[in-house]
Amino acid sequence: MSEWGFTNDTEDSLRRLRNGWVIFMESPLAAYHLSTSCDLKQLGERIGSWHYGIALPPKSYLTPRLNSMILRLKAENTLDILEKKWWSTNASNCPETTSTTGFGMEQVGGMFILLACGFAAGVIILGIELVVYRVIMRRAANKVGDSSADPGFDDKETKATTTTAAHNFRVHENKSTVRTPTATTIVISTDESESLPPPSYEQSQS
């Protein structure tokens, strides 16, 4: 017997399946036999997906009619009803093999652990931010207190202001000092009969 090959028809495929072979089959046909035979099982998911088409001559009068009919069947939900009738319903009433039990703590425990870790990390980060904020505010308050409590701070400013004012006053005083110029007076005698010595000049300072 060969290890692989093609079957003659669907019945030959089903016979080989029951003898331990694995068959690659079209999805609609495989889904139908899976729903009617309890001893068959699908392995994995579908390998590919292809669509059926109807070939017509170019500009055939049947093309718009077929398109209109397919659209009407889809709009009336007829195609879905036929699919459920022939493929979705298990006509052979095979027993359910899947378990209906819910998720246990083993499946969902990791989610709660992740939430708890995130909450704990948030609380830790918030505490660090509060501590850093308090330290920064305390240092700022200490700097302000040290500046206001410095005894030589105001004295330095006062001395500098007084020195500047005294210097400005001296400059202003020097600029305001005006020297009075000297005046010359000519003195003569009104008695012409007497001989007098030449006139003299007397300088007086007012």
N, C-alpha and C. Protein backbone atom coordinates (compact mmCIF):
# COMPACT_ATOMS: atom_id res chain seq x y z
N MET A 1 0.86 -1.19 0.00
CA MET A 1 0.00 0.00 0.00
C MET A 1 0.89 1.24 0.00
N SER A 2 0.54 2.20 -0.83
CA SER A 2 1.31 3.45 -0.90
C SER A 2 1.03 4.30 0.33
N GLU A 3 1.98 5.19 0.63
CA GLU A 3 1.83 6.04 1.81
C GLU A 3 0.99 7.27 1.53
N TRP A 4 0.83 7.65 0.29
CA TRP A 4 0.00 8.79 -0.06
C TRP A 4 -0.53 8.58 -1.48
N GLY A 5 -1.58 9.34 -1.78
CA GLY A 5 -2.17 9.24 -3.12
C GLY A 5 -3.54 9.90 -3.14
N PHE A 6 -4.23 9.78 -4.25
CA PHE A 6 -5.55 10.36 -4.44
C PHE A 6 -6.60 9.26 -4.34
N THR A 7 -7.75 9.61 -3.81
CA THR A 7 -8.87 8.67 -3.72
C THR A 7 -9.76 8.81 -4.95
N ASN A 8 -10.57 7.79 -5.16
CA ASN A 8 -11.44 7.79 -6.34
C ASN A 8 -12.68 8.64 -6.14
N ASP A 9 -13.26 8.56 -4.95
CA ASP A 9 -14.48 9.33 -4.67
C ASP A 9 -14.58 9.55 -3.17
N THR A 10 -15.70 10.13 -2.73
CA THR A 10 -15.87 10.44 -1.32
C THR A 10 -15.98 9.19 -0.48
N GLU A 11 -16.66 8.15 -1.01
CA GLU A 11 -16.79 6.91 -0.26
C GLU A 11 -15.43 6.26 -0.03
N ASP A 12 -14.58 6.32 -1.02
CA ASP A 12 -13.22 5.78 -0.85
C ASP A 12 -12.46 6.58 0.21
N SER A 13 -12.66 7.89 0.24
CA SER A 13 -11.99 8.72 1.25
C SER A 13 -12.46 8.36 2.65
N LEU A 14 -13.78 8.17 2.83
CA LEU A 14 -14.30 7.82 4.15
C LEU A 14 -13.81 6.44 4.58
N ARG A 15 -13.72 5.52 3.65
CA ARG A 15 -13.24 4.18 3.99
C ARG A 15 -11.79 4.24 4.45
N ARG A 16 -10.97 5.00 3.75
CA ARG A 16 -9.58 5.12 4.14
C ARG A 16 -9.44 5.85 5.49
N LEU A 17 -10.32 6.82 5.74
CA LEU A 17 -10.29 7.51 7.03
C LEU A 17 -10.51 6.54 8.17
N ARG A 18 -11.47 5.65 8.01
CA ARG A 18 -11.77 4.70 9.08
C ARG A 18 -10.70 3.62 9.21
N ASN A 19 -9.82 3.54 8.25
CA ASN A 19 -8.70 2.59 8.33
C ASN A 19 -7.42 3.26 8.82
N GLY A 20 -7.50 4.49 9.29
CA GLY A 20 -6.34 5.15 9.87
C GLY A 20 -5.64 6.16 8.98
N TRP A 21 -6.21 6.49 7.86
CA TRP A 21 -5.59 7.45 6.96
C TRP A 21 -6.00 8.88 7.36
N VAL A 22 -5.25 9.81 6.84
CA VAL A 22 -5.58 11.23 6.98
C VAL A 22 -5.92 11.77 5.61
N ILE A 23 -7.05 12.43 5.50
CA ILE A 23 -7.54 12.89 4.21
C ILE A 23 -7.61 14.42 4.20
N PHE A 24 -7.09 15.01 3.12
CA PHE A 24 -7.29 16.43 2.85
C PHE A 24 -8.55 16.57 2.00
N MET A 25 -9.52 17.31 2.52
CA MET A 25 -10.83 17.40 1.88
C MET A 25 -11.30 18.84 1.87
N GLU A 26 -12.17 19.15 0.94
CA GLU A 26 -12.75 20.49 0.89
C GLU A 26 -13.53 20.76 2.17
N SER A 27 -13.44 22.00 2.63
CA SER A 27 -14.02 22.36 3.92
C SER A 27 -15.53 22.14 3.99
N PRO A 28 -16.33 22.54 3.00
CA PRO A 28 -17.78 22.28 3.11
C PRO A 28 -18.10 20.79 3.18
N LEU A 29 -17.41 19.99 2.37
CA LEU A 29 -17.67 18.55 2.38
C LEU A 29 -17.20 17.93 3.69
N ALA A 30 -16.04 18.36 4.19
CA ALA A 30 -15.55 17.84 5.46
C ALA A 30 -16.47 18.23 6.61
N ALA A 31 -16.97 19.47 6.61
CA ALA A 31 -17.88 19.90 7.67
C ALA A 31 -19.17 19.08 7.65
N TYR A 32 -19.63 18.73 6.47
CA TYR A 32 -20.86 17.93 6.39
C TYR A 32 -20.64 16.54 6.97
N HIS A 33 -19.54 15.88 6.61
CA HIS A 33 -19.30 14.53 7.13
C HIS A 33 -18.97 14.56 8.62
N LEU A 34 -18.34 15.61 9.09
CA LEU A 34 -18.08 15.71 10.53
C LEU A 34 -19.38 15.85 11.31
N SER A 35 -20.38 16.52 10.73
CA SER A 35 -21.65 16.71 11.43
C SER A 35 -22.54 15.49 11.37
N THR A 36 -22.25 14.54 10.48
CA THR A 36 -23.09 13.34 10.35
C THR A 36 -22.39 12.07 10.82
N SER A 37 -21.10 12.13 11.11
CA SER A 37 -20.36 10.94 11.53
C SER A 37 -19.62 11.26 12.82
N CYS A 38 -19.90 10.49 13.87
CA CYS A 38 -19.31 10.75 15.18
C CYS A 38 -17.89 10.20 15.30
N ASP A 39 -17.46 9.32 14.37
CA ASP A 39 -16.14 8.73 14.48
C ASP A 39 -15.08 9.51 13.70
N LEU A 40 -15.43 10.66 13.17
CA LEU A 40 -14.49 11.49 12.42
C LEU A 40 -14.15 12.74 13.22
N LYS A 41 -12.98 13.23 13.01
CA LYS A 41 -12.52 14.41 13.76
C LYS A 41 -11.66 15.29 12.86
N GLN A 42 -11.85 16.58 12.99
CA GLN A 42 -11.05 17.53 12.23
C GLN A 42 -9.75 17.82 12.97
N LEU A 43 -8.66 17.85 12.23
CA LEU A 43 -7.35 18.08 12.80
C LEU A 43 -6.90 19.51 12.46
N GLY A 44 -6.83 20.36 13.49
CA GLY A 44 -6.39 21.74 13.27
C GLY A 44 -7.44 22.59 12.57
N GLU A 45 -6.99 23.74 12.06
CA GLU A 45 -7.88 24.66 11.37
C GLU A 45 -7.79 24.44 9.86
N ARG A 46 -8.62 25.19 9.15
CA ARG A 46 -8.60 25.09 7.70
C ARG A 46 -7.27 25.62 7.14
N ILE A 47 -6.78 24.95 6.13
CA ILE A 47 -5.50 25.34 5.54
C ILE A 47 -5.66 26.57 4.66
N GLY A 48 -6.71 26.67 3.94
CA GLY A 48 -6.93 27.81 3.04
C GLY A 48 -8.41 28.03 2.81
N SER A 49 -8.73 29.07 2.10
CA SER A 49 -10.12 29.40 1.82
C SER A 49 -10.23 29.83 0.36
N TRP A 50 -11.12 29.18 -0.35
CA TRP A 50 -11.37 29.51 -1.75
C TRP A 50 -12.87 29.67 -1.95
N HIS A 51 -13.23 30.35 -3.00
CA HIS A 51 -14.64 30.61 -3.30
C HIS A 51 -15.03 29.91 -4.60
N TYR A 52 -16.30 29.56 -4.63
CA TYR A 52 -16.84 28.95 -5.84
C TYR A 52 -17.28 30.04 -6.81
N GLY A 53 -17.20 29.73 -8.07
CA GLY A 53 -17.64 30.67 -9.09
C GLY A 53 -18.39 29.94 -10.20
N ILE A 54 -19.27 30.64 -10.85
CA ILE A 54 -20.04 30.11 -11.98
C ILE A 54 -19.58 30.82 -13.23
N ALA A 55 -19.09 30.08 -14.18
CA ALA A 55 -18.58 30.67 -15.42
C ALA A 55 -19.72 30.85 -16.42
N LEU A 56 -19.79 32.03 -17.00
CA LEU A 56 -20.79 32.36 -18.01
C LEU A 56 -20.11 33.03 -19.19
N PRO A 57 -20.71 32.96 -20.35
CA PRO A 57 -20.13 33.66 -21.52
C PRO A 57 -20.15 35.17 -21.31
N PRO A 58 -19.27 35.89 -21.99
CA PRO A 58 -19.29 37.36 -21.87
C PRO A 58 -20.63 37.94 -22.31
N LYS A 59 -21.10 38.91 -21.57
CA LYS A 59 -22.35 39.61 -21.87
C LYS A 59 -23.54 38.67 -21.91
N SER A 60 -23.50 37.65 -21.04
CA SER A 60 -24.61 36.71 -20.99
C SER A 60 -25.80 37.34 -20.29
N TYR A 61 -27.00 37.02 -20.75
CA TYR A 61 -28.20 37.57 -20.13
C TYR A 61 -28.46 36.96 -18.76
N LEU A 62 -27.77 35.84 -18.43
CA LEU A 62 -27.95 35.20 -17.13
C LEU A 62 -27.13 35.88 -16.02
N THR A 63 -26.12 36.65 -16.39
CA THR A 63 -25.24 37.26 -15.38
C THR A 63 -26.00 38.20 -14.45
N PRO A 64 -26.76 39.18 -14.95
CA PRO A 64 -27.49 40.05 -14.01
C PRO A 64 -28.56 39.30 -13.24
N ARG A 65 -29.17 38.26 -13.85
CA ARG A 65 -30.21 37.51 -13.14
C ARG A 65 -29.60 36.71 -11.98
N LEU A 66 -28.47 36.07 -12.25
CA LEU A 66 -27.82 35.31 -11.17
C LEU A 66 -27.34 36.23 -10.05
N ASN A 67 -26.77 37.37 -10.42
CA ASN A 67 -26.33 38.33 -9.39
C ASN A 67 -27.50 38.80 -8.54
N SER A 68 -28.62 39.10 -9.20
CA SER A 68 -29.80 39.56 -8.47
C SER A 68 -30.35 38.46 -7.57
N MET A 69 -30.33 37.21 -8.04
CA MET A 69 -30.86 36.11 -7.24
C MET A 69 -29.97 35.84 -6.02
N ILE A 70 -28.65 35.87 -6.21
CA ILE A 70 -27.74 35.63 -5.08
C ILE A 70 -27.87 36.73 -4.03
N LEU A 71 -27.98 37.97 -4.48
CA LEU A 71 -28.15 39.08 -3.53
C LEU A 71 -29.46 38.96 -2.77
N ARG A 72 -30.53 38.50 -3.45
CA ARG A 72 -31.82 38.36 -2.77
C ARG A 72 -31.77 37.23 -1.75
N LEU A 73 -31.12 36.11 -2.09
CA LEU A 73 -31.00 35.00 -1.13
C LEU A 73 -30.20 35.42 0.10
N LYS A 74 -29.17 36.23 -0.13
CA LYS A 74 -28.37 36.70 1.01
C LYS A 74 -29.15 37.70 1.85
N ALA A 75 -29.92 38.58 1.20
CA ALA A 75 -30.70 39.57 1.95
C ALA A 75 -31.81 38.91 2.75
N GLU A 76 -32.40 37.85 2.23
CA GLU A 76 -33.48 37.15 2.93
C GLU A 76 -32.95 36.13 3.94
N ASN A 77 -31.64 36.05 4.12
CA ASN A 77 -31.00 35.15 5.09
C ASN A 77 -31.21 33.67 4.73
N THR A 78 -31.51 33.41 3.47
CA THR A 78 -31.74 32.03 3.05
C THR A 78 -30.45 31.22 3.05
N LEU A 79 -29.34 31.85 2.65
CA LEU A 79 -28.07 31.14 2.62
C LEU A 79 -27.62 30.72 4.02
N ASP A 80 -27.86 31.57 5.01
CA ASP A 80 -27.49 31.21 6.38
C ASP A 80 -28.35 30.07 6.90
N ILE A 81 -29.62 30.07 6.53
CA ILE A 81 -30.52 28.99 6.97
C ILE A 81 -30.08 27.65 6.37
N LEU A 82 -29.71 27.66 5.10
CA LEU A 82 -29.25 26.42 4.47
C LEU A 82 -27.93 25.94 5.07
N GLU A 83 -27.05 26.88 5.39
CA GLU A 83 -25.77 26.48 6.00
C GLU A 83 -25.99 25.83 7.36
N LYS A 84 -26.87 26.41 8.17
CA LYS A 84 -27.15 25.82 9.48
C LYS A 84 -27.83 24.45 9.34
N LYS A 85 -28.64 24.29 8.31
CA LYS A 85 -29.35 23.03 8.13
C LYS A 85 -28.41 21.89 7.77
N TRP A 86 -27.44 22.13 6.90
CA TRP A 86 -26.62 21.06 6.38
C TRP A 86 -25.24 20.96 7.02
N TRP A 87 -24.78 22.00 7.68
CA TRP A 87 -23.41 21.96 8.22
C TRP A 87 -23.34 22.23 9.73
N SER A 88 -24.14 23.15 10.24
CA SER A 88 -24.00 23.53 11.64
C SER A 88 -24.68 22.55 12.58
N THR A 89 -25.74 21.90 12.15
CA THR A 89 -26.49 20.99 13.01
C THR A 89 -25.92 19.58 12.92
N ASN A 90 -25.68 18.98 14.07
CA ASN A 90 -25.18 17.61 14.11
C ASN A 90 -26.37 16.66 13.99
N ALA A 91 -26.59 16.15 12.76
CA ALA A 91 -27.78 15.33 12.52
C ALA A 91 -27.71 13.98 13.21
N SER A 92 -26.51 13.49 13.48
CA SER A 92 -26.39 12.17 14.10
C SER A 92 -26.48 12.21 15.62
N ASN A 93 -26.64 13.43 16.19
CA ASN A 93 -26.77 13.58 17.64
C ASN A 93 -25.60 12.95 18.38
N CYS A 94 -24.40 13.30 17.93
CA CYS A 94 -23.20 12.79 18.60
C CYS A 94 -23.08 13.42 19.97
N PRO A 95 -22.58 12.66 20.94
CA PRO A 95 -22.43 13.24 22.28
C PRO A 95 -21.37 14.34 22.28
N GLU A 96 -21.61 15.31 23.11
CA GLU A 96 -20.66 16.42 23.22
C GLU A 96 -19.38 15.94 23.89
N THR A 97 -18.26 16.25 23.28
CA THR A 97 -16.97 15.83 23.83
C THR A 97 -16.25 16.96 24.56
N THR A 98 -16.73 18.16 24.40
CA THR A 98 -16.09 19.30 25.05
C THR A 98 -16.64 19.48 26.45
N SER A 99 -15.82 19.93 27.35
CA SER A 99 -16.22 20.16 28.73
C SER A 99 -16.88 21.53 28.86
N THR A 100 -17.91 21.59 29.67
CA THR A 100 -18.65 22.84 29.86
C THR A 100 -18.29 23.51 31.18
N THR A 101 -17.28 23.01 31.86
CA THR A 101 -16.89 23.62 33.13
C THR A 101 -16.24 24.97 32.87
N GLY A 102 -16.41 25.86 33.84
CA GLY A 102 -15.85 27.20 33.70
C GLY A 102 -14.36 27.22 34.01
N PHE A 103 -13.84 28.42 33.99
CA PHE A 103 -12.42 28.60 34.29
C PHE A 103 -12.18 28.48 35.79
N GLY A 104 -11.09 27.85 36.14
CA GLY A 104 -10.70 27.73 37.53
C GLY A 104 -9.71 28.80 37.93
N MET A 105 -9.31 28.75 39.20
CA MET A 105 -8.35 29.73 39.70
C MET A 105 -7.00 29.57 39.01
N GLU A 106 -6.69 28.38 38.54
CA GLU A 106 -5.42 28.19 37.84
C GLU A 106 -5.35 28.97 36.54
N GLN A 107 -6.51 29.13 35.88
CA GLN A 107 -6.52 29.84 34.61
C GLN A 107 -6.57 31.36 34.77
N VAL A 108 -7.26 31.82 35.80
CA VAL A 108 -7.45 33.28 35.96
C VAL A 108 -6.64 33.85 37.12
N GLY A 109 -5.88 33.01 37.83
CA GLY A 109 -5.12 33.52 38.97
C GLY A 109 -4.05 34.52 38.57
N GLY A 110 -3.44 34.30 37.42
CA GLY A 110 -2.39 35.22 36.97
C GLY A 110 -2.90 36.63 36.76
N MET A 111 -4.15 36.77 36.33
CA MET A 111 -4.71 38.10 36.11
C MET A 111 -4.82 38.87 37.43
N PHE A 112 -5.27 38.21 38.49
CA PHE A 112 -5.38 38.89 39.78
C PHE A 112 -4.01 39.21 40.36
N ILE A 113 -3.04 38.33 40.14
CA ILE A 113 -1.68 38.61 40.61
C ILE A 113 -1.11 39.83 39.90
N LEU A 114 -1.36 39.94 38.60
CA LEU A 114 -0.88 41.10 37.84
C LEU A 114 -1.53 42.39 38.34
N LEU A 115 -2.83 42.35 38.62
CA LEU A 115 -3.51 43.53 39.15
C LEU A 115 -2.95 43.93 40.51
N ALA A 116 -2.70 42.93 41.37
CA ALA A 116 -2.17 43.23 42.70
C ALA A 116 -0.77 43.84 42.60
N CYS A 117 0.06 43.32 41.70
CA CYS A 117 1.41 43.88 41.53
C CYS A 117 1.35 45.31 41.02
N GLY A 118 0.45 45.58 40.09
CA GLY A 118 0.31 46.94 39.58
C GLY A 118 -0.15 47.91 40.66
N PHE A 119 -1.09 47.47 41.51
CA PHE A 119 -1.57 48.33 42.60
C PHE A 119 -0.45 48.61 43.60
N ALA A 120 0.31 47.57 43.95
CA ALA A 120 1.41 47.77 44.91
C ALA A 120 2.47 48.70 44.34
N ALA A 121 2.79 48.55 43.06
CA ALA A 121 3.78 49.44 42.44
C ALA A 121 3.30 50.88 42.43
N GLY A 122 2.00 51.09 42.18
CA GLY A 122 1.46 52.45 42.20
C GLY A 122 1.54 53.08 43.58
N VAL A 123 1.24 52.30 44.63
CA VAL A 123 1.32 52.83 46.00
C VAL A 123 2.76 53.20 46.35
N ILE A 124 3.71 52.35 45.97
CA ILE A 124 5.13 52.64 46.27
C ILE A 124 5.59 53.91 45.56
N ILE A 125 5.24 54.06 44.31
CA ILE A 125 5.64 55.26 43.55
C ILE A 125 5.02 56.51 44.15
N LEU A 126 3.75 56.41 44.58
CA LEU A 126 3.09 57.56 45.21
C LEU A 126 3.79 57.95 46.50
N GLY A 127 4.18 56.96 47.33
CA GLY A 127 4.89 57.27 48.56
C GLY A 127 6.23 57.95 48.31
N ILE A 128 6.96 57.47 47.29
CA ILE A 128 8.25 58.10 46.96
C ILE A 128 8.05 59.54 46.52
N GLU A 129 7.04 59.80 45.72
CA GLU A 129 6.78 61.17 45.27
C GLU A 129 6.44 62.08 46.44
N LEU A 130 5.66 61.60 47.40
CA LEU A 130 5.32 62.43 48.56
C LEU A 130 6.56 62.75 49.39
N VAL A 131 7.42 61.76 49.60
CA VAL A 131 8.64 62.00 50.39
C VAL A 131 9.54 63.01 49.69
N VAL A 132 9.74 62.86 48.40
CA VAL A 132 10.59 63.80 47.66
C VAL A 132 10.01 65.21 47.70
N TYR A 133 8.69 65.31 47.58
CA TYR A 133 8.05 66.63 47.62
C TYR A 133 8.25 67.30 48.98
N ARG A 134 8.10 66.54 50.05
CA ARG A 134 8.28 67.13 51.39
C ARG A 134 9.72 67.57 51.61
N VAL A 135 10.68 66.77 51.14
CA VAL A 135 12.09 67.14 51.31
C VAL A 135 12.40 68.42 50.56
N ILE A 136 11.91 68.54 49.34
CA ILE A 136 12.17 69.74 48.54
C ILE A 136 11.55 70.97 49.19
N MET A 137 10.30 70.85 49.67
CA MET A 137 9.64 71.99 50.31
C MET A 137 10.35 72.38 51.60
N ARG A 138 10.85 71.40 52.35
CA ARG A 138 11.55 71.72 53.60
C ARG A 138 12.86 72.45 53.33
N ARG A 139 13.59 72.03 52.32
CA ARG A 139 14.83 72.72 51.98
C ARG A 139 14.56 74.14 51.51
N ALA A 140 13.51 74.33 50.74
CA ALA A 140 13.18 75.68 50.28
C ALA A 140 12.81 76.58 51.45
N ALA A 141 12.06 76.05 52.43
CA ALA A 141 11.69 76.84 53.60
C ALA A 141 12.91 77.19 54.44
N ASN A 142 13.86 76.26 54.57
CA ASN A 142 15.08 76.54 55.33
C ASN A 142 15.92 77.63 54.68
N LYS A 143 16.00 77.62 53.35
CA LYS A 143 16.76 78.66 52.66
C LYS A 143 16.15 80.04 52.88
N VAL A 144 14.81 80.12 52.82
CA VAL A 144 14.14 81.40 53.05
C VAL A 144 14.36 81.87 54.48
N GLY A 145 14.30 80.95 55.46
CA GLY A 145 14.51 81.33 56.86
C GLY A 145 15.93 81.80 57.12
N ASP A 146 16.93 81.15 56.52
CA ASP A 146 18.32 81.58 56.71
C ASP A 146 18.57 82.96 56.12
N SER A 147 17.98 83.27 55.01
CA SER A 147 18.19 84.58 54.39
C SER A 147 17.58 85.69 55.22
N SER A 148 16.39 85.46 55.80
CA SER A 148 15.74 86.50 56.60
C SER A 148 16.37 86.66 57.98
N ALA A 149 17.04 85.61 58.49
CA ALA A 149 17.64 85.69 59.82
C ALA A 149 19.09 86.15 59.80
N ASP A 150 19.69 86.51 58.70
CA ASP A 150 21.08 86.94 58.61
C ASP A 150 21.22 88.34 59.20
N PRO A 151 21.98 88.55 60.34
CA PRO A 151 22.04 89.88 60.98
C PRO A 151 22.82 90.89 60.17
N GLY A 152 23.76 90.44 59.41
CA GLY A 152 24.58 91.39 58.67
C GLY A 152 24.01 91.76 57.32
N PHE A 153 22.88 91.18 56.99
CA PHE A 153 22.32 91.44 55.67
C PHE A 153 21.82 92.86 55.55
N ASP A 154 20.99 93.31 56.54
CA ASP A 154 20.44 94.67 56.49
C ASP A 154 21.51 95.71 56.75
N ASP A 155 22.48 95.40 57.67
CA ASP A 155 23.54 96.37 57.97
C ASP A 155 24.39 96.64 56.74
N LYS A 156 24.67 95.60 55.99
CA LYS A 156 25.47 95.79 54.78
C LYS A 156 24.75 96.69 53.80
N GLU A 157 23.47 96.45 53.65
CA GLU A 157 22.72 97.31 52.73
C GLU A 157 22.67 98.74 53.24
N THR A 158 22.47 98.92 54.58
CA THR A 158 22.40 100.28 55.14
C THR A 158 23.72 101.00 54.99
N LYS A 159 24.85 100.28 55.28
CA LYS A 159 26.16 100.92 55.14
C LYS A 159 26.44 101.30 53.70
N ALA A 160 26.08 100.43 52.80
CA ALA A 160 26.32 100.75 51.39
C ALA A 160 25.50 101.95 50.96
N THR A 161 24.25 102.02 51.44
CA THR A 161 23.41 103.17 51.08
C THR A 161 23.94 104.45 51.68
N THR A 162 24.39 104.40 52.97
CA THR A 162 24.93 105.59 53.63
C THR A 162 26.20 106.08 52.95
N THR A 163 27.07 105.15 52.61
CA THR A 163 28.32 105.54 51.93
C THR A 163 28.03 106.19 50.59
N THR A 164 27.10 105.64 49.87
CA THR A 164 26.76 106.22 48.56
C THR A 164 26.16 107.60 48.72
N ALA A 165 25.29 107.79 49.75
CA ALA A 165 24.68 109.10 49.97
C ALA A 165 25.73 110.13 50.38
N ALA A 166 26.68 109.75 51.26
CA ALA A 166 27.73 110.69 51.68
C ALA A 166 28.61 111.08 50.52
N HIS A 167 28.93 110.12 49.70
CA HIS A 167 29.76 110.42 48.54
C HIS A 167 29.05 111.38 47.59
N ASN A 168 27.78 111.14 47.37
CA ASN A 168 27.02 112.04 46.49
C ASN A 168 26.93 113.44 47.08
N PHE A 169 26.79 113.52 48.44
CA PHE A 169 26.70 114.83 49.08
C PHE A 169 28.00 115.60 48.92
N ARG A 170 29.15 114.92 49.08
CA ARG A 170 30.43 115.62 48.94
C ARG A 170 30.64 116.10 47.51
N VAL A 171 30.25 115.27 46.57
CA VAL A 171 30.39 115.70 45.18
C VAL A 171 29.53 116.91 44.90
N HIS A 172 28.31 116.89 45.45
CA HIS A 172 27.40 118.01 45.24
C HIS A 172 27.93 119.27 45.92
N GLU A 173 28.51 119.11 47.12
CA GLU A 173 29.04 120.26 47.85
C GLU A 173 30.22 120.90 47.11
N ASN A 174 31.08 120.07 46.55
CA ASN A 174 32.23 120.60 45.81
C ASN A 174 31.78 121.34 44.56
N LYS A 175 30.76 120.78 43.92
CA LYS A 175 30.28 121.45 42.72
C LYS A 175 29.56 122.76 43.04
N SER A 176 29.00 122.91 44.26
CA SER A 176 28.24 124.12 44.62
C SER A 176 29.13 125.24 45.12
N THR A 177 30.40 124.98 45.44
CA THR A 177 31.30 126.04 45.94
C THR A 177 31.69 126.99 44.81
N VAL A 178 31.43 128.32 44.98
CA VAL A 178 31.72 129.33 43.94
C VAL A 178 32.66 130.37 44.53
N ARG A 179 33.75 130.52 43.91
CA ARG A 179 34.70 131.54 44.37
C ARG A 179 34.27 132.92 43.86
N THR A 180 34.22 133.95 44.82
CA THR A 180 33.81 135.31 44.45
C THR A 180 34.98 136.04 43.80
N PRO A 181 34.83 136.58 42.63
CA PRO A 181 35.96 137.27 41.96
C PRO A 181 36.32 138.59 42.68
N THR A 182 37.59 139.01 42.57
CA THR A 182 38.05 140.29 43.18
C THR A 182 37.64 141.49 42.32
N ALA A 183 37.33 142.64 43.01
CA ALA A 183 36.92 143.88 42.31
C ALA A 183 37.99 144.97 42.51
N THR A 184 38.27 145.74 41.48
CA THR A 184 39.28 146.83 41.53
C THR A 184 38.57 148.18 41.59
N THR A 185 38.97 149.03 42.60
CA THR A 185 38.35 150.36 42.78
C THR A 185 39.42 151.45 42.59
N ILE A 186 39.12 152.46 41.79
CA ILE A 186 40.04 153.61 41.58
C ILE A 186 39.67 154.71 42.56
N VAL A 187 40.63 155.15 43.34
CA VAL A 187 40.41 156.21 44.36
C VAL A 187 41.14 157.47 43.90
N ILE A 188 40.44 158.59 43.81
CA ILE A 188 41.06 159.88 43.43
C ILE A 188 40.65 160.94 44.44
N SER A 189 41.39 162.06 44.45
CA SER A 189 41.11 163.17 45.38
C SER A 189 40.31 164.23 44.64
N THR A 190 39.44 164.92 45.37
CA THR A 190 38.62 165.96 44.77
C THR A 190 39.22 167.34 44.96
N ASP A 191 40.32 167.50 45.73
CA ASP A 191 40.97 168.78 45.97
C ASP A 191 42.08 168.92 44.97
N GLU A 192 41.91 169.87 44.02
CA GLU A 192 42.88 170.04 42.96
C GLU A 192 44.03 170.96 43.38
N SER A 193 43.81 171.78 44.43
CA SER A 193 44.85 172.75 44.80
C SER A 193 46.05 172.07 45.42
N GLU A 194 45.82 171.10 46.09
CA GLU A 194 46.91 170.40 46.76
C GLU A 194 47.51 169.41 45.81
N SER A 195 48.80 169.37 45.91
CA SER A 195 49.47 168.38 45.06
C SER A 195 49.45 167.04 45.77
N LEU A 196 49.01 166.18 45.07
CA LEU A 196 48.87 164.82 45.64
C LEU A 196 49.75 163.85 44.87
N PRO A 197 50.14 162.87 45.52
CA PRO A 197 50.91 161.87 44.82
C PRO A 197 50.07 161.18 43.76
N PRO A 198 50.72 160.49 42.89
CA PRO A 198 49.94 159.78 41.85
C PRO A 198 48.88 158.89 42.48
N PRO A 199 47.80 158.73 41.76
CA PRO A 199 46.71 157.89 42.32
C PRO A 199 47.16 156.46 42.55
N SER A 200 46.63 155.95 43.59
CA SER A 200 46.96 154.55 43.92
C SER A 200 45.74 153.67 43.70
N TYR A 201 46.02 152.44 43.53
CA TYR A 201 44.94 151.46 43.32
C TYR A 201 44.81 150.55 44.53
N GLU A 202 43.61 150.46 44.96
CA GLU A 202 43.35 149.61 46.13
C GLU A 202 42.44 148.47 45.70
N GLN A 203 42.87 147.33 46.05
CA GLN A 203 42.05 146.15 45.71
C GLN A 203 41.26 145.71 46.93
N SER A 204 40.06 145.59 46.69
CA SER A 204 39.17 145.11 47.77
C SER A 204 38.47 143.86 47.31
N GLN A 205 38.25 143.05 48.23
CA GLN A 205 37.55 141.77 47.93
C GLN A 205 36.23 141.77 48.63
N SER A 206 35.24 141.66 47.86
CA SER A 206 33.90 141.64 48.44
C SER A 206 33.47 140.22 48.67
